[in-house]
Amino acid sequence: MRQQPRGTRDTGGSGKATAVDLMEPEESDHYMLPVWFFVGILLLIYGILILATGILEFSRPPSTVLANLHPAIWWGALLVVIGAVYVYVFMPRGS
């Protein structure tokens, strides 16, 4: 941000200058990353962890009622796919 000289600023007719009136934004090539990119990364990490847990449960299955359906593998795979799609779609691309 660069300051404008006192004589050239426009105070909007009120006679009082604010900090916004004194500062002008500079040109920059920064941009914001979408939050959905980070959501995709989290889903991908959680999916990998749950999928790995589900694969390890093959050797020592838990003593739950529906353990034969292996829900950790299904949910882990689903989270990996959804997370990978989010990361791919919302990945920041250079111009």
C-alpha atoms as a PDB file:
ATOM      1  CA  MET A   1       0.000   0.000   0.000  1.00  0.00           C
ATOM      2  CA  ARG A   2       1.266   3.428  -0.792  1.00  0.00           C
ATOM      3  CA  GLN A   3       0.237   6.701   0.736  1.00  0.00           C
ATOM      4  CA  GLN A   4      -1.280   9.508  -1.268  1.00  0.00           C
ATOM      5  CA  PRO A   5      -0.105  13.062  -0.694  1.00  0.00           C
ATOM      6  CA  ARG A   6      -2.356  15.003   1.670  1.00  0.00           C
ATOM      7  CA  GLY A   7      -3.518  17.476  -0.943  1.00  0.00           C
ATOM      8  CA  THR A   8      -4.723  14.879  -3.466  1.00  0.00           C
ATOM      9  CA  ARG A   9      -6.955  12.677  -1.360  1.00  0.00           C
ATOM     10  CA  ASP A  10     -10.725  12.785  -1.637  1.00  0.00           C
ATOM     11  CA  THR A  11     -12.454  12.697   1.727  1.00  0.00           C
ATOM     12  CA  GLY A  12     -15.904  11.972   0.322  1.00  0.00           C
ATOM     13  CA  GLY A  13     -17.395  15.333   1.261  1.00  0.00           C
ATOM     14  CA  SER A  14     -17.424  14.742   5.010  1.00  0.00           C
ATOM     15  CA  GLY A  15     -14.188  16.623   5.636  1.00  0.00           C
ATOM     16  CA  LYS A  16     -12.749  13.751   7.688  1.00  0.00           C
ATOM     17  CA  ALA A  17     -10.150  11.434   6.204  1.00  0.00           C
ATOM     18  CA  THR A  18     -10.068   7.770   7.174  1.00  0.00           C
ATOM     19  CA  ALA A  19      -7.303   5.215   6.856  1.00  0.00           C
ATOM     20  CA  VAL A  20      -9.006   3.828   3.758  1.00  0.00           C
ATOM     21  CA  ASP A  21      -8.791   7.252   2.136  1.00  0.00           C
ATOM     22  CA  LEU A  22      -5.073   7.479   2.870  1.00  0.00           C
ATOM     23  CA  MET A  23      -4.025   4.042   1.614  1.00  0.00           C
ATOM     24  CA  GLU A  24      -4.378   2.657  -1.881  1.00  0.00           C
ATOM     25  CA  PRO A  25      -3.994  -1.069  -2.644  1.00  0.00           C
ATOM     26  CA  GLU A  26      -0.971  -2.051  -4.679  1.00  0.00           C
ATOM     27  CA  GLU A  27      -1.039  -4.345  -7.653  1.00  0.00           C
ATOM     28  CA  SER A  28      -0.068  -7.885  -6.676  1.00  0.00           C
ATOM     29  CA  ASP A  29      -0.272 -11.331  -8.160  1.00  0.00           C
ATOM     30  CA  HIS A  30      -1.462 -12.986  -4.939  1.00  0.00           C
ATOM     31  CA  TYR A  31      -4.696 -14.903  -4.938  1.00  0.00           C
ATOM     32  CA  MET A  32      -6.720 -16.769  -2.352  1.00  0.00           C
ATOM     33  CA  LEU A  33      -6.852 -20.543  -2.261  1.00  0.00           C
ATOM     34  CA  PRO A  34     -10.361 -21.992  -2.163  1.00  0.00           C
ATOM     35  CA  VAL A  35     -11.360 -23.629   1.108  1.00  0.00           C
ATOM     36  CA  TRP A  36     -12.624 -26.664  -0.840  1.00  0.00           C
ATOM     37  CA  PHE A  37      -9.036 -27.486  -1.827  1.00  0.00           C
ATOM     38  CA  PHE A  38      -8.144 -27.894   1.854  1.00  0.00           C
ATOM     39  CA  VAL A  39     -11.353 -29.839   2.491  1.00  0.00           C
ATOM     40  CA  GLY A  40     -10.285 -32.203  -0.295  1.00  0.00           C
ATOM     41  CA  ILE A  41      -6.850 -32.638   1.268  1.00  0.00           C
ATOM     42  CA  LEU A  42      -8.438 -33.481   4.635  1.00  0.00           C
ATOM     43  CA  LEU A  43     -10.852 -35.968   3.071  1.00  0.00           C
ATOM     44  CA  LEU A  44      -7.985 -37.579   1.185  1.00  0.00           C
ATOM     45  CA  ILE A  45      -5.846 -37.935   4.315  1.00  0.00           C
ATOM     46  CA  TYR A  46      -8.722 -39.300   6.404  1.00  0.00           C
ATOM     47  CA  GLY A  47      -9.679 -41.685   3.608  1.00  0.00           C
ATOM     48  CA  ILE A  48      -6.145 -43.046   3.368  1.00  0.00           C
ATOM     49  CA  LEU A  49      -6.000 -43.572   7.142  1.00  0.00           C
ATOM     50  CA  ILE A  50      -9.404 -45.288   7.311  1.00  0.00           C
ATOM     51  CA  LEU A  51      -8.623 -47.432   4.269  1.00  0.00           C
ATOM     52  CA  ALA A  52      -5.314 -48.523   5.800  1.00  0.00           C
ATOM     53  CA  THR A  53      -7.141 -49.398   9.022  1.00  0.00           C
ATOM     54  CA  GLY A  54      -9.677 -51.416   7.056  1.00  0.00           C
ATOM     55  CA  ILE A  55      -6.939 -53.333   5.257  1.00  0.00           C
ATOM     56  CA  LEU A  56      -5.215 -54.101   8.567  1.00  0.00           C
ATOM     57  CA  GLU A  57      -8.525 -55.384   9.973  1.00  0.00           C
ATOM     58  CA  PHE A  58      -8.469 -58.318   7.542  1.00  0.00           C
ATOM     59  CA  SER A  59      -5.899 -60.110   9.694  1.00  0.00           C
ATOM     60  CA  ARG A  60      -7.660 -59.334  12.992  1.00  0.00           C
ATOM     61  CA  PRO A  61     -11.341 -58.505  12.395  1.00  0.00           C
ATOM     62  CA  PRO A  62     -13.212 -56.587  15.093  1.00  0.00           C
ATOM     63  CA  SER A  63     -15.913 -58.311  17.087  1.00  0.00           C
ATOM     64  CA  THR A  64     -18.824 -56.257  15.799  1.00  0.00           C
ATOM     65  CA  VAL A  65     -22.056 -57.481  14.247  1.00  0.00           C
ATOM     66  CA  LEU A  66     -21.403 -56.471  10.634  1.00  0.00           C
ATOM     67  CA  ALA A  67     -17.614 -56.830  10.577  1.00  0.00           C
ATOM     68  CA  ASN A  68     -17.874 -59.178   7.603  1.00  0.00           C
ATOM     69  CA  LEU A  69     -18.952 -56.207   5.419  1.00  0.00           C
ATOM     70  CA  HIS A  70     -15.646 -54.377   6.074  1.00  0.00           C
ATOM     71  CA  PRO A  71     -17.114 -50.852   6.358  1.00  0.00           C
ATOM     72  CA  ALA A  72     -13.704 -49.244   6.930  1.00  0.00           C
ATOM     73  CA  ILE A  73     -12.609 -50.298   3.453  1.00  0.00           C
ATOM     74  CA  TRP A  74     -15.774 -48.962   1.832  1.00  0.00           C
ATOM     75  CA  TRP A  75     -15.742 -45.641   3.693  1.00  0.00           C
ATOM     76  CA  GLY A  76     -11.993 -45.221   3.280  1.00  0.00           C
ATOM     77  CA  ALA A  77     -12.223 -45.810  -0.462  1.00  0.00           C
ATOM     78  CA  LEU A  78     -15.170 -43.421  -0.743  1.00  0.00           C
ATOM     79  CA  LEU A  79     -13.328 -40.668   1.143  1.00  0.00           C
ATOM     80  CA  VAL A  80     -10.215 -41.175  -0.978  1.00  0.00           C
ATOM     81  CA  VAL A  81     -12.234 -40.812  -4.190  1.00  0.00           C
ATOM     82  CA  ILE A  82     -14.162 -37.744  -2.984  1.00  0.00           C
ATOM     83  CA  GLY A  83     -10.998 -36.124  -1.611  1.00  0.00           C
ATOM     84  CA  ALA A  84      -9.109 -36.763  -4.846  1.00  0.00           C
ATOM     85  CA  VAL A  85     -11.942 -35.221  -6.880  1.00  0.00           C
ATOM     86  CA  TYR A  86     -12.024 -32.116  -4.656  1.00  0.00           C
ATOM     87  CA  VAL A  87      -8.242 -31.713  -4.813  1.00  0.00           C
ATOM     88  CA  TYR A  88      -8.252 -32.086  -8.601  1.00  0.00           C
ATOM     89  CA  VAL A  89     -11.183 -29.731  -9.227  1.00  0.00           C
ATOM     90  CA  PHE A  90     -10.130 -26.976  -6.799  1.00  0.00           C
ATOM     91  CA  MET A  91      -6.351 -27.230  -7.261  1.00  0.00           C
ATOM     92  CA  PRO A  92      -4.786 -23.797  -7.743  1.00  0.00           C
ATOM     93  CA  ARG A  93      -3.505 -23.520 -11.277  1.00  0.00           C
ATOM     94  CA  GLY A  94      -0.855 -21.103 -12.488  1.00  0.00           C
ATOM     95  CA  SER A  95      -1.860 -18.579 -15.111  1.00  0.00           C
END
